[in-house]
Amino acid sequence: VGLGSKMLLERKVRSTVKHISNWIKNDLKSGDTLQVEWVPYTLFDSHSQFALSVGDKFCIDVTIDGDGLSVISLGGDGSEEGGGDFRSVKFGSAMEFELFLKFEVKRRMLEASLNR
């Protein structure tokens, strides 16, 4: 059951990532591109992992298990002045993950425009 749930969730997440990529390009008209690097596991592994980045704005590590997604995010440049925040968040659905990505992309683009 866990493997089947993971496979269904992974398919939804892949669709979400495509949707977010198109949203960044077409709706936000941003020059930043969304890049995804999947860790090569076999089809029958109980989890999947990938790294997702949007330009130089941010990068997250995502793990998909049968019961949801875990996202690890490092912000800033690691120094105390630059933020260096660490977040670990769990999501139960691809829709929650999509909302998180949209919020994070908008927030990071706003921060970048204010720091110019």
Foldseek 3Di string as FASTA:
>chain_A
DFLVLLVVQVVLLVVLQVVVQCCCCPVVVDPWGKDKDWDDDDSRDQKTKIWIDTHPQFIWIWMGGSQWIKIWTFFFPCDVVRPRDIDIDTDRHSVVVSVVVVVSVVVSVVVVVVVD
